[in-house]
Amino acid sequence: MPRLSPYGFARTVLNIAIPGVGFLVSTSQVSAILSKTLGFACVLEKMEVVTTAVGTGAGASRVLNVRKGSATGTVVATATLALATQGTLGTVNVGTLTTANAANKFSDTDTLTVEFASGGTTFTAGGVELVLTFRHQLAKEA
């Protein structure tokens, strides 16, 4: 691993396209990303969900979780995707971060999982882009 640099921090934004088929049009637990190693120490600063395809479905609502670890790991951020927040293209829904006990801090070996929790009410159509913003210390080559 490279040595940390004294020159401050950088932010890395990870965009994850999530189509409605297989994710929003279900009420089952399903992972969009399962146990991806980030490879650098960082802090999750922000979770945003952007509407890329208008959601439809009477009373539709799904919970989107970001976990540190596997599909049973610690929930570090969550957002509820409801029909009201998915009705207009480009709408940004800001998720809620869990900072208690440094839950949102990742080591270079921690893994990231993005999952829709089981339950809720299915969408009949829709799509979102998940935008995760991480802060990490700059590093120089070892």
Protein backbone atom coordinates (compact mmCIF):
# COMPACT_ATOMS: atom_id res chain seq x y z
CA MET A 1 0.00 0.00 0.00
CA PRO A 2 1.31 3.49 -0.79
CA ARG A 3 2.29 5.79 2.05
CA LEU A 4 -0.17 8.51 3.03
CA SER A 5 0.79 11.98 1.91
CA PRO A 6 0.64 15.08 4.09
CA TYR A 7 -0.98 17.04 1.24
CA GLY A 8 -4.61 16.82 2.28
CA PHE A 9 -7.63 14.94 1.09
CA ALA A 10 -9.39 14.14 -2.17
CA ARG A 11 -12.92 13.11 -2.94
CA THR A 12 -13.85 10.23 -5.20
CA VAL A 13 -17.35 9.91 -6.59
CA LEU A 14 -18.63 6.45 -7.48
CA ASN A 15 -21.65 6.35 -9.81
CA ILE A 16 -23.69 3.16 -10.01
CA ALA A 17 -26.47 2.86 -12.60
CA ILE A 18 -29.38 0.78 -11.28
CA PRO A 19 -32.06 -0.12 -13.83
CA GLY A 20 -35.60 -0.80 -12.64
CA VAL A 21 -35.72 -4.34 -14.02
CA GLY A 22 -34.43 -6.73 -11.39
CA PHE A 23 -34.18 -4.07 -8.69
CA LEU A 24 -37.09 -1.63 -8.41
CA VAL A 25 -39.69 -3.98 -9.91
CA SER A 26 -39.22 -6.50 -7.10
CA THR A 27 -39.75 -6.68 -3.36
CA SER A 28 -37.00 -9.24 -2.77
CA GLN A 29 -33.62 -8.50 -1.23
CA VAL A 30 -31.23 -8.01 -4.15
CA SER A 31 -27.65 -6.71 -4.33
CA ALA A 32 -26.54 -4.31 -7.06
CA ILE A 33 -22.94 -4.66 -5.81
CA LEU A 34 -21.85 -7.46 -3.50
CA SER A 35 -18.66 -7.21 -1.43
CA LYS A 36 -16.57 -4.95 -3.69
CA THR A 37 -13.19 -4.07 -2.21
CA LEU A 38 -12.48 -0.37 -2.61
CA GLY A 39 -8.72 -0.80 -2.14
CA PHE A 40 -8.16 2.46 -0.25
CA ALA A 41 -9.04 3.82 3.18
CA CYS A 42 -11.87 6.33 2.99
CA VAL A 43 -14.94 7.83 4.61
CA LEU A 44 -18.35 7.73 2.95
CA GLU A 45 -19.47 11.37 3.05
CA LYS A 46 -22.64 11.38 0.99
CA MET A 47 -25.22 9.10 -0.63
CA GLU A 48 -27.45 10.51 -3.36
CA VAL A 49 -29.97 8.79 -5.62
CA VAL A 50 -30.76 10.47 -8.94
CA THR A 51 -33.87 9.53 -10.97
CA THR A 52 -32.83 8.39 -14.47
CA ALA A 53 -36.14 6.78 -15.50
CA VAL A 54 -39.45 7.99 -14.08
CA GLY A 55 -40.86 5.59 -11.50
CA THR A 56 -44.38 4.23 -11.79
CA GLY A 57 -46.48 1.93 -9.61
CA ALA A 58 -49.24 2.58 -7.10
CA GLY A 59 -47.71 3.31 -3.69
CA ALA A 60 -44.26 2.14 -4.86
CA SER A 61 -41.48 2.31 -2.27
CA ARG A 62 -38.13 0.52 -1.88
CA VAL A 63 -35.29 0.95 0.61
CA LEU A 64 -31.75 1.17 -0.79
CA ASN A 65 -28.91 0.39 1.63
CA VAL A 66 -25.15 0.84 1.41
CA ARG A 67 -23.36 -1.66 3.64
CA LYS A 68 -19.81 -2.03 4.88
CA GLY A 69 -19.15 -5.72 4.35
CA SER A 70 -21.36 -8.33 2.74
CA ALA A 71 -25.15 -8.42 2.32
CA THR A 72 -25.39 -8.83 6.10
CA GLY A 73 -22.79 -6.16 6.92
CA THR A 74 -23.30 -2.86 8.72
CA VAL A 75 -25.70 -0.41 7.05
CA VAL A 76 -23.76 2.85 6.62
CA ALA A 77 -26.24 4.76 4.43
CA THR A 78 -29.86 4.36 3.42
CA ALA A 79 -32.42 6.03 1.18
CA THR A 80 -36.09 5.35 0.63
CA LEU A 81 -37.10 5.47 -3.02
CA ALA A 82 -40.78 6.37 -3.09
CA LEU A 83 -43.03 7.18 -6.00
CA ALA A 84 -43.06 10.83 -4.85
CA THR A 85 -39.24 11.07 -5.16
CA GLN A 86 -39.05 9.16 -8.46
CA GLY A 87 -41.63 11.11 -10.48
CA THR A 88 -39.32 13.62 -12.19
CA LEU A 89 -36.13 12.93 -14.16
CA GLY A 90 -33.05 14.32 -12.46
CA THR A 91 -34.56 14.51 -8.98
CA VAL A 92 -31.85 14.05 -6.34
CA ASN A 93 -32.83 12.14 -3.21
CA VAL A 94 -30.19 12.50 -0.47
CA GLY A 95 -29.71 9.44 1.71
CA THR A 96 -29.04 9.27 5.44
CA LEU A 97 -25.53 8.39 6.65
CA THR A 98 -24.72 6.41 9.78
CA THR A 99 -21.66 7.93 11.44
CA ALA A 100 -22.07 6.30 14.87
CA ASN A 101 -18.99 4.32 15.91
CA ALA A 102 -17.26 5.40 12.67
CA ALA A 103 -19.51 3.04 10.70
CA ASN A 104 -18.94 5.07 7.51
CA LYS A 105 -15.12 4.68 7.67
CA PHE A 106 -13.67 2.04 5.37
CA SER A 107 -10.19 0.51 5.56
CA ASP A 108 -8.41 -0.51 2.37
CA THR A 109 -9.62 -4.09 2.91
CA ASP A 110 -13.26 -3.39 3.81
CA THR A 111 -15.88 -4.25 1.21
CA LEU A 112 -18.86 -2.30 -0.09
CA THR A 113 -22.31 -3.76 -0.78
CA VAL A 114 -25.26 -1.92 -2.33
CA GLU A 115 -28.58 -3.67 -1.80
CA PHE A 116 -32.30 -3.21 -1.94
CA ALA A 117 -33.77 -4.53 1.29
CA SER A 118 -36.60 -7.03 1.12
CA GLY A 119 -40.09 -5.60 1.48
CA GLY A 120 -41.69 -2.42 0.30
CA THR A 121 -44.04 -2.03 -2.65
CA THR A 122 -42.84 -2.80 -6.15
CA PHE A 123 -42.37 -0.21 -8.87
CA THR A 124 -43.68 -1.12 -12.32
CA ALA A 125 -40.96 0.97 -13.98
CA GLY A 126 -38.11 3.28 -13.05
CA GLY A 127 -34.36 3.59 -12.81
CA VAL A 128 -31.82 5.41 -10.65
CA GLU A 129 -28.17 6.37 -10.48
CA LEU A 130 -26.58 5.93 -7.07
CA VAL A 131 -23.89 8.53 -6.37
CA LEU A 132 -21.52 7.81 -3.48
CA THR A 133 -18.97 10.44 -2.42
CA PHE A 134 -15.91 9.20 -0.53
CA ARG A 135 -13.21 11.32 1.14
CA HIS A 136 -9.74 9.83 1.30
CA GLN A 137 -6.26 10.97 2.17
CA LEU A 138 -3.88 11.41 -0.72
CA ALA A 139 -1.09 8.87 -1.02
CA LYS A 140 2.30 8.82 -2.67
CA GLU A 141 3.98 5.89 -4.31
CA ALA A 142 5.75 3.61 -1.85
